[in-house]
N, C-alpha and C. Protein backbone atom coordinates (compact mmCIF):
# COMPACT_ATOMS: atom_id res chain seq x y z
N MET A 1 31.47 -23.98 -14.12
CA MET A 1 30.18 -24.20 -14.78
C MET A 1 29.08 -24.37 -13.73
N ASN A 2 29.37 -25.10 -12.68
CA ASN A 2 28.38 -25.38 -11.64
C ASN A 2 27.98 -24.11 -10.90
N ASN A 3 28.97 -23.20 -10.69
CA ASN A 3 28.68 -21.94 -10.00
C ASN A 3 27.75 -21.05 -10.81
N LYS A 4 27.92 -21.04 -12.13
CA LYS A 4 27.06 -20.23 -12.99
C LYS A 4 25.62 -20.72 -12.94
N ILE A 5 25.45 -22.02 -12.94
CA ILE A 5 24.10 -22.60 -12.89
C ILE A 5 23.43 -22.25 -11.57
N MET A 6 24.15 -22.37 -10.48
CA MET A 6 23.58 -22.03 -9.17
C MET A 6 23.26 -20.54 -9.08
N PHE A 7 24.10 -19.70 -9.67
CA PHE A 7 23.85 -18.26 -9.68
C PHE A 7 22.59 -17.94 -10.48
N ILE A 8 22.42 -18.56 -11.61
CA ILE A 8 21.23 -18.34 -12.45
C ILE A 8 19.97 -18.81 -11.72
N ILE A 9 20.03 -19.97 -11.10
CA ILE A 9 18.88 -20.49 -10.34
C ILE A 9 18.55 -19.55 -9.19
N GLY A 10 19.56 -19.07 -8.48
CA GLY A 10 19.34 -18.13 -7.38
C GLY A 10 18.72 -16.83 -7.87
N CYS A 11 19.20 -16.32 -9.00
CA CYS A 11 18.62 -15.10 -9.57
C CYS A 11 17.16 -15.30 -9.96
N LEU A 12 16.85 -16.45 -10.55
CA LEU A 12 15.46 -16.73 -10.94
C LEU A 12 14.55 -16.79 -9.71
N ILE A 13 15.01 -17.45 -8.67
CA ILE A 13 14.20 -17.52 -7.44
C ILE A 13 14.00 -16.12 -6.86
N PHE A 14 15.05 -15.31 -6.86
CA PHE A 14 14.96 -13.95 -6.33
C PHE A 14 14.00 -13.09 -7.15
N ILE A 15 14.06 -13.21 -8.47
CA ILE A 15 13.16 -12.44 -9.34
C ILE A 15 11.71 -12.86 -9.14
N ILE A 16 11.47 -14.16 -9.01
CA ILE A 16 10.11 -14.64 -8.75
C ILE A 16 9.62 -14.14 -7.40
N TYR A 17 10.49 -14.16 -6.39
CA TYR A 17 10.16 -13.65 -5.06
C TYR A 17 9.79 -12.17 -5.13
N LEU A 18 10.59 -11.36 -5.82
CA LEU A 18 10.29 -9.93 -5.94
C LEU A 18 8.98 -9.69 -6.68
N PHE A 19 8.70 -10.48 -7.71
CA PHE A 19 7.45 -10.32 -8.46
C PHE A 19 6.25 -10.51 -7.54
N PHE A 20 6.24 -11.59 -6.79
CA PHE A 20 5.10 -11.86 -5.91
C PHE A 20 5.05 -10.88 -4.73
N LEU A 21 6.19 -10.45 -4.23
CA LEU A 21 6.21 -9.46 -3.16
C LEU A 21 5.58 -8.14 -3.63
N LEU A 22 5.97 -7.67 -4.80
CA LEU A 22 5.39 -6.43 -5.33
C LEU A 22 3.91 -6.60 -5.66
N LYS A 23 3.52 -7.78 -6.09
CA LYS A 23 2.11 -8.05 -6.38
C LYS A 23 1.28 -7.98 -5.10
N ILE A 24 1.77 -8.54 -4.01
CA ILE A 24 1.07 -8.50 -2.73
C ILE A 24 1.00 -7.07 -2.21
N ILE A 25 2.10 -6.32 -2.33
CA ILE A 25 2.11 -4.93 -1.87
C ILE A 25 1.09 -4.10 -2.65
N LYS A 26 1.03 -4.29 -3.95
CA LYS A 26 0.08 -3.56 -4.80
C LYS A 26 -1.36 -3.91 -4.42
N LYS A 27 -1.62 -5.19 -4.17
CA LYS A 27 -2.97 -5.63 -3.80
C LYS A 27 -3.39 -5.04 -2.46
N GLN A 28 -2.50 -5.07 -1.47
CA GLN A 28 -2.82 -4.53 -0.15
C GLN A 28 -2.99 -3.01 -0.20
N ASN A 29 -2.20 -2.34 -1.03
CA ASN A 29 -2.34 -0.90 -1.18
C ASN A 29 -3.68 -0.55 -1.79
N LYS A 30 -4.14 -1.34 -2.75
CA LYS A 30 -5.44 -1.11 -3.38
C LYS A 30 -6.56 -1.30 -2.36
N ILE A 31 -6.46 -2.33 -1.52
CA ILE A 31 -7.47 -2.58 -0.49
C ILE A 31 -7.48 -1.43 0.51
N GLU A 32 -6.31 -0.95 0.90
CA GLU A 32 -6.22 0.16 1.86
C GLU A 32 -6.78 1.45 1.27
N ASP A 33 -6.53 1.68 -0.01
CA ASP A 33 -7.09 2.87 -0.66
C ASP A 33 -8.60 2.82 -0.70
N GLN A 34 -9.17 1.64 -0.93
CA GLN A 34 -10.63 1.50 -0.94
C GLN A 34 -11.19 1.76 0.45
N ARG A 35 -10.52 1.28 1.49
CA ARG A 35 -10.95 1.51 2.86
C ARG A 35 -10.88 2.99 3.22
N ASN A 36 -9.80 3.65 2.82
CA ASN A 36 -9.64 5.06 3.12
C ASN A 36 -10.63 5.91 2.33
N HIS A 37 -10.96 5.47 1.13
CA HIS A 37 -11.90 6.22 0.31
C HIS A 37 -13.31 6.15 0.89
N GLU A 38 -13.64 5.02 1.47
CA GLU A 38 -14.98 4.86 2.06
C GLU A 38 -15.13 5.72 3.31
N SER A 39 -14.06 5.94 4.05
CA SER A 39 -14.14 6.70 5.28
C SER A 39 -13.72 8.16 5.08
N PHE A 40 -13.70 8.63 3.85
CA PHE A 40 -13.29 9.99 3.55
C PHE A 40 -14.34 10.97 4.06
N ASP A 41 -13.88 12.01 4.74
CA ASP A 41 -14.76 13.03 5.31
C ASP A 41 -14.72 14.25 4.40
N THR A 42 -15.84 14.59 3.78
CA THR A 42 -15.87 15.72 2.85
C THR A 42 -15.74 17.05 3.56
N ASN A 43 -16.05 17.13 4.87
CA ASN A 43 -15.93 18.37 5.61
C ASN A 43 -14.51 18.63 6.10
N ASP A 44 -13.67 17.63 6.07
CA ASP A 44 -12.30 17.76 6.57
C ASP A 44 -11.40 18.24 5.44
N LEU A 45 -11.37 19.55 5.22
CA LEU A 45 -10.62 20.09 4.09
C LEU A 45 -9.14 20.23 4.38
N ASP A 46 -8.76 20.39 5.64
CA ASP A 46 -7.34 20.57 5.95
C ASP A 46 -6.63 19.25 6.24
N GLY A 47 -7.36 18.17 6.44
CA GLY A 47 -6.77 16.85 6.62
C GLY A 47 -6.28 16.54 8.01
N ILE A 48 -6.60 17.34 9.01
CA ILE A 48 -6.13 17.07 10.36
C ILE A 48 -7.22 16.53 11.26
N GLY A 49 -8.39 16.32 10.74
CA GLY A 49 -9.45 15.73 11.55
C GLY A 49 -10.46 16.75 12.05
N ASN A 50 -11.07 16.45 13.19
CA ASN A 50 -12.16 17.26 13.72
C ASN A 50 -11.71 18.36 14.67
N GLN A 51 -10.44 18.68 14.72
CA GLN A 51 -9.96 19.65 15.69
C GLN A 51 -10.56 21.05 15.45
N GLY A 52 -10.85 21.39 14.24
CA GLY A 52 -11.32 22.73 13.93
C GLY A 52 -12.83 22.90 13.95
N ARG A 53 -13.57 21.85 14.22
CA ARG A 53 -15.03 21.92 14.16
C ARG A 53 -15.60 22.15 15.55
N PHE A 54 -16.48 23.11 15.62
CA PHE A 54 -17.18 23.38 16.86
C PHE A 54 -18.68 23.34 16.56
N PRO A 55 -19.47 22.84 17.49
CA PRO A 55 -20.92 22.79 17.24
C PRO A 55 -21.50 24.20 17.17
N ASN A 56 -22.55 24.35 16.37
CA ASN A 56 -23.23 25.64 16.25
C ASN A 56 -23.99 25.95 17.53
N LYS A 57 -23.88 27.21 18.00
CA LYS A 57 -24.61 27.63 19.20
C LYS A 57 -25.91 28.26 18.75
N ASN A 58 -27.01 27.80 19.31
CA ASN A 58 -28.32 28.35 18.94
C ASN A 58 -28.83 29.29 19.98
């Protein structure tokens, strides 16, 4: 009987831990997406950066 109670308590603690861990991951992912969205370059269509851009020669 005592082992079952300890197992249930351990499972509850683990489930609570996973809930808050996933909540923190979701929150940080949302913050990172907002940061990446603000620094989005509309001219970078291929996604590799400025390697393909050359200044115009006049």
